[in-house]
């Protein structure tokens, strides 16, 4: 019998699998908390609007997508109670997008999950390994403080 050598997974595959596992757990946690109607891009919108109100064009630019794509997501989020459109005080023809109470609650629940996930990871590994992982992921992300989160 010939023993087959196991080839380690490519780094990109490991990154993708790790991210997908994280997202699956996050979505399951949020669904248990009553947020079972979240679209795939909603988290990016939550983060963008948490920093402050934006109009549709500003949001689309920040998420590196078309105005039409952003409008479709915002229409869904508004219908589900996550985002509100308000009159823009500087331009009566424009609307300002803000997180609705349900959107703020979903974002807060997601942030709690993120923190709990990291604590679990530290318990499964150790603080030094998790700090190293954060440093390496920051290198991969180039400049996470300045990076635009792309919805697609």
C-alpha atoms as a PDB file:
ATOM      1  CA  UNK A   1       0.000   0.000   0.000  1.00  0.00           C
ATOM      2  CA  UNK A   2       1.398   3.386  -1.029  1.00  0.00           C
ATOM      3  CA  UNK A   3       0.974   6.193   1.462  1.00  0.00           C
ATOM      4  CA  UNK A   4      -0.300   9.381  -0.149  1.00  0.00           C
ATOM      5  CA  UNK A   5       1.305  12.598   0.957  1.00  0.00           C
ATOM      6  CA  UNK A   6      -1.132  15.198   2.105  1.00  0.00           C
ATOM      7  CA  UNK A   7      -0.578  18.528   0.396  1.00  0.00           C
ATOM      8  CA  UNK A   8      -1.294  21.514   2.635  1.00  0.00           C
ATOM      9  CA  UNK A   9      -4.073  23.794   1.469  1.00  0.00           C
ATOM     10  CA  UNK A  10      -3.063  26.942  -0.359  1.00  0.00           C
ATOM     11  CA  UNK A  11      -2.978  30.011   1.874  1.00  0.00           C
ATOM     12  CA  UNK A  12      -5.742  31.708  -0.103  1.00  0.00           C
ATOM     13  CA  UNK A  13      -7.992  28.673   0.344  1.00  0.00           C
ATOM     14  CA  UNK A  14      -7.315  28.670   4.093  1.00  0.00           C
ATOM     15  CA  UNK A  15      -8.118  32.389   4.269  1.00  0.00           C
ATOM     16  CA  UNK A  16     -11.361  31.826   2.368  1.00  0.00           C
ATOM     17  CA  UNK A  17     -12.375  28.831   4.460  1.00  0.00           C
ATOM     18  CA  UNK A  18     -11.610  30.692   7.678  1.00  0.00           C
ATOM     19  CA  UNK A  19     -13.651  33.683   6.566  1.00  0.00           C
ATOM     20  CA  UNK A  20     -16.564  31.517   5.433  1.00  0.00           C
ATOM     21  CA  UNK A  21     -16.583  29.645   8.746  1.00  0.00           C
ATOM     22  CA  UNK A  22     -16.619  32.958  10.603  1.00  0.00           C
ATOM     23  CA  UNK A  23     -19.462  34.330   8.457  1.00  0.00           C
ATOM     24  CA  UNK A  24     -21.513  31.134   8.860  1.00  0.00           C
ATOM     25  CA  UNK A  25     -21.221  31.356  12.655  1.00  0.00           C
ATOM     26  CA  UNK A  26     -21.987  35.083  12.618  1.00  0.00           C
ATOM     27  CA  UNK A  27     -25.107  34.620  10.480  1.00  0.00           C
ATOM     28  CA  UNK A  28     -26.357  31.758  12.690  1.00  0.00           C
ATOM     29  CA  UNK A  29     -25.819  33.855  15.827  1.00  0.00           C
ATOM     30  CA  UNK A  30     -27.598  36.867  14.341  1.00  0.00           C
ATOM     31  CA  UNK A  31     -30.494  34.707  13.125  1.00  0.00           C
ATOM     32  CA  UNK A  32     -30.963  33.397  16.674  1.00  0.00           C
ATOM     33  CA  UNK A  33     -31.189  37.014  17.827  1.00  0.00           C
ATOM     34  CA  UNK A  34     -33.977  37.821  15.372  1.00  0.00           C
ATOM     35  CA  UNK A  35     -31.872  39.114  12.477  1.00  0.00           C
ATOM     36  CA  UNK A  36     -32.620  36.278  10.072  1.00  0.00           C
ATOM     37  CA  UNK A  37     -33.283  38.507   7.075  1.00  0.00           C
ATOM     38  CA  UNK A  38     -29.830  40.009   6.553  1.00  0.00           C
ATOM     39  CA  UNK A  39     -28.500  40.284   3.027  1.00  0.00           C
ATOM     40  CA  UNK A  40     -24.863  39.543   2.281  1.00  0.00           C
ATOM     41  CA  UNK A  41     -23.851  43.190   1.891  1.00  0.00           C
ATOM     42  CA  UNK A  42     -25.757  44.586   4.870  1.00  0.00           C
ATOM     43  CA  UNK A  43     -22.781  44.433   7.229  1.00  0.00           C
ATOM     44  CA  UNK A  44     -20.781  46.709   4.942  1.00  0.00           C
ATOM     45  CA  UNK A  45     -23.640  49.223   4.905  1.00  0.00           C
ATOM     46  CA  UNK A  46     -24.010  49.015   8.693  1.00  0.00           C
ATOM     47  CA  UNK A  47     -20.335  49.869   9.127  1.00  0.00           C
ATOM     48  CA  UNK A  48     -20.427  52.692   6.589  1.00  0.00           C
ATOM     49  CA  UNK A  49     -23.519  54.335   8.085  1.00  0.00           C
ATOM     50  CA  UNK A  50     -22.322  53.822  11.643  1.00  0.00           C
ATOM     51  CA  UNK A  51     -19.560  56.314  10.856  1.00  0.00           C
ATOM     52  CA  UNK A  52     -22.200  58.895   9.912  1.00  0.00           C
ATOM     53  CA  UNK A  53     -25.087  59.654   7.604  1.00  0.00           C
ATOM     54  CA  UNK A  54     -24.388  59.404   3.877  1.00  0.00           C
ATOM     55  CA  UNK A  55     -26.327  60.006   0.725  1.00  0.00           C
ATOM     56  CA  UNK A  56     -26.676  57.162  -1.771  1.00  0.00           C
ATOM     57  CA  UNK A  57     -23.844  58.317  -4.019  1.00  0.00           C
ATOM     58  CA  UNK A  58     -21.437  58.645  -1.075  1.00  0.00           C
ATOM     59  CA  UNK A  59     -22.375  55.184   0.156  1.00  0.00           C
ATOM     60  CA  UNK A  60     -21.912  53.657  -3.301  1.00  0.00           C
ATOM     61  CA  UNK A  61     -18.467  55.246  -3.614  1.00  0.00           C
ATOM     62  CA  UNK A  62     -17.445  54.085  -0.165  1.00  0.00           C
ATOM     63  CA  UNK A  63     -18.523  50.508  -0.966  1.00  0.00           C
ATOM     64  CA  UNK A  64     -16.962  50.647  -4.436  1.00  0.00           C
ATOM     65  CA  UNK A  65     -20.178  49.837  -6.253  1.00  0.00           C
ATOM     66  CA  UNK A  66     -22.638  51.484  -8.619  1.00  0.00           C
ATOM     67  CA  UNK A  67     -25.338  53.847  -7.409  1.00  0.00           C
ATOM     68  CA  UNK A  68     -27.907  51.379  -8.767  1.00  0.00           C
ATOM     69  CA  UNK A  69     -26.400  48.489  -6.810  1.00  0.00           C
ATOM     70  CA  UNK A  70     -26.334  50.529  -3.623  1.00  0.00           C
ATOM     71  CA  UNK A  71     -29.931  51.660  -4.211  1.00  0.00           C
ATOM     72  CA  UNK A  72     -31.089  48.050  -4.504  1.00  0.00           C
ATOM     73  CA  UNK A  73     -29.439  47.132  -1.203  1.00  0.00           C
ATOM     74  CA  UNK A  74     -30.789  50.246   0.525  1.00  0.00           C
ATOM     75  CA  UNK A  75     -34.321  49.535  -0.766  1.00  0.00           C
ATOM     76  CA  UNK A  76     -34.140  46.042   0.798  1.00  0.00           C
ATOM     77  CA  UNK A  77     -32.659  47.331   4.047  1.00  0.00           C
ATOM     78  CA  UNK A  78     -35.260  50.096   4.355  1.00  0.00           C
ATOM     79  CA  UNK A  79     -38.103  47.643   3.712  1.00  0.00           C
ATOM     80  CA  UNK A  80     -36.725  45.408   6.478  1.00  0.00           C
ATOM     81  CA  UNK A  81     -36.350  48.286   8.920  1.00  0.00           C
ATOM     82  CA  UNK A  82     -32.547  48.504   9.018  1.00  0.00           C
ATOM     83  CA  UNK A  83     -32.064  51.867   7.279  1.00  0.00           C
ATOM     84  CA  UNK A  84     -34.045  55.104   7.160  1.00  0.00           C
ATOM     85  CA  UNK A  85     -34.071  57.743   4.462  1.00  0.00           C
ATOM     86  CA  UNK A  86     -34.259  61.283   5.773  1.00  0.00           C
ATOM     87  CA  UNK A  87     -34.385  64.616   3.968  1.00  0.00           C
ATOM     88  CA  UNK A  88     -30.924  66.040   3.394  1.00  0.00           C
ATOM     89  CA  UNK A  89     -30.837  69.427   5.154  1.00  0.00           C
ATOM     90  CA  UNK A  90     -28.336  70.752   2.595  1.00  0.00           C
ATOM     91  CA  UNK A  91     -30.230  69.534  -0.502  1.00  0.00           C
ATOM     92  CA  UNK A  92     -34.003  69.111  -0.490  1.00  0.00           C
ATOM     93  CA  UNK A  93     -33.836  66.833  -3.542  1.00  0.00           C
ATOM     94  CA  UNK A  94     -31.526  64.364  -1.845  1.00  0.00           C
ATOM     95  CA  UNK A  95     -32.038  61.852   0.962  1.00  0.00           C
ATOM     96  CA  UNK A  96     -29.638  61.058   3.756  1.00  0.00           C
ATOM     97  CA  UNK A  97     -29.266  57.443   4.806  1.00  0.00           C
ATOM     98  CA  UNK A  98     -29.027  56.576   8.498  1.00  0.00           C
ATOM     99  CA  UNK A  99     -29.196  53.375  10.490  1.00  0.00           C
ATOM    100  CA  UNK A 100     -32.650  52.741  11.911  1.00  0.00           C
ATOM    101  CA  UNK A 101     -33.034  51.347  15.417  1.00  0.00           C
ATOM    102  CA  UNK A 102     -33.126  47.783  14.010  1.00  0.00           C
ATOM    103  CA  UNK A 103     -29.930  48.455  12.041  1.00  0.00           C
ATOM    104  CA  UNK A 104     -28.132  49.767  15.112  1.00  0.00           C
ATOM    105  CA  UNK A 105     -29.308  46.709  17.080  1.00  0.00           C
ATOM    106  CA  UNK A 106     -28.061  44.322  14.376  1.00  0.00           C
ATOM    107  CA  UNK A 107     -24.692  46.067  14.246  1.00  0.00           C
ATOM    108  CA  UNK A 108     -24.373  45.945  18.040  1.00  0.00           C
ATOM    109  CA  UNK A 109     -25.200  42.209  18.010  1.00  0.00           C
ATOM    110  CA  UNK A 110     -22.605  41.627  15.275  1.00  0.00           C
ATOM    111  CA  UNK A 111     -19.971  43.506  17.260  1.00  0.00           C
ATOM    112  CA  UNK A 112     -20.727  41.433  20.350  1.00  0.00           C
ATOM    113  CA  UNK A 113     -20.313  38.296  18.240  1.00  0.00           C
ATOM    114  CA  UNK A 114     -16.973  39.551  16.867  1.00  0.00           C
ATOM    115  CA  UNK A 115     -15.647  40.128  20.384  1.00  0.00           C
ATOM    116  CA  UNK A 116     -16.903  36.764  21.652  1.00  0.00           C
ATOM    117  CA  UNK A 117     -15.438  35.000  18.609  1.00  0.00           C
ATOM    118  CA  UNK A 118     -12.032  36.515  19.278  1.00  0.00           C
ATOM    119  CA  UNK A 119     -12.217  35.533  22.957  1.00  0.00           C
ATOM    120  CA  UNK A 120     -13.065  31.940  21.943  1.00  0.00           C
ATOM    121  CA  UNK A 121     -10.170  31.935  19.497  1.00  0.00           C
ATOM    122  CA  UNK A 122      -7.813  33.104  22.249  1.00  0.00           C
ATOM    123  CA  UNK A 123      -9.049  30.294  24.522  1.00  0.00           C
ATOM    124  CA  UNK A 124      -8.540  27.717  21.739  1.00  0.00           C
ATOM    125  CA  UNK A 125      -5.088  29.070  20.922  1.00  0.00           C
ATOM    126  CA  UNK A 126      -3.461  31.828  22.965  1.00  0.00           C
ATOM    127  CA  UNK A 127      -3.283  35.631  23.033  1.00  0.00           C
ATOM    128  CA  UNK A 128       0.083  35.747  21.254  1.00  0.00           C
ATOM    129  CA  UNK A 129      -1.151  33.657  18.310  1.00  0.00           C
ATOM    130  CA  UNK A 130      -4.298  35.767  17.941  1.00  0.00           C
ATOM    131  CA  UNK A 131      -2.243  38.986  18.074  1.00  0.00           C
ATOM    132  CA  UNK A 132       0.036  37.525  15.381  1.00  0.00           C
ATOM    133  CA  UNK A 133      -2.988  36.561  13.279  1.00  0.00           C
ATOM    134  CA  UNK A 134      -4.329  40.120  13.579  1.00  0.00           C
ATOM    135  CA  UNK A 135      -0.953  41.558  12.555  1.00  0.00           C
ATOM    136  CA  UNK A 136      -0.659  39.255   9.544  1.00  0.00           C
ATOM    137  CA  UNK A 137      -4.234  39.885   8.411  1.00  0.00           C
ATOM    138  CA  UNK A 138      -3.579  43.628   8.706  1.00  0.00           C
ATOM    139  CA  UNK A 139      -0.569  43.203   6.412  1.00  0.00           C
ATOM    140  CA  UNK A 140      -2.701  41.284   3.924  1.00  0.00           C
ATOM    141  CA  UNK A 141      -5.421  43.940   4.084  1.00  0.00           C
ATOM    142  CA  UNK A 142      -2.668  46.515   3.365  1.00  0.00           C
ATOM    143  CA  UNK A 143      -4.095  49.318   5.461  1.00  0.00           C
ATOM    144  CA  UNK A 144      -7.311  48.267   7.199  1.00  0.00           C
ATOM    145  CA  UNK A 145      -7.801  51.680   8.785  1.00  0.00           C
ATOM    146  CA  UNK A 146      -8.022  53.282   5.350  1.00  0.00           C
ATOM    147  CA  UNK A 147      -9.371  50.384   3.304  1.00  0.00           C
ATOM    148  CA  UNK A 148     -12.759  50.614   1.721  1.00  0.00           C
ATOM    149  CA  UNK A 149     -14.921  47.632   2.427  1.00  0.00           C
ATOM    150  CA  UNK A 150     -16.228  46.418  -0.896  1.00  0.00           C
ATOM    151  CA  UNK A 151     -19.717  45.003  -0.800  1.00  0.00           C
ATOM    152  CA  UNK A 152     -19.012  42.742  -3.793  1.00  0.00           C
END
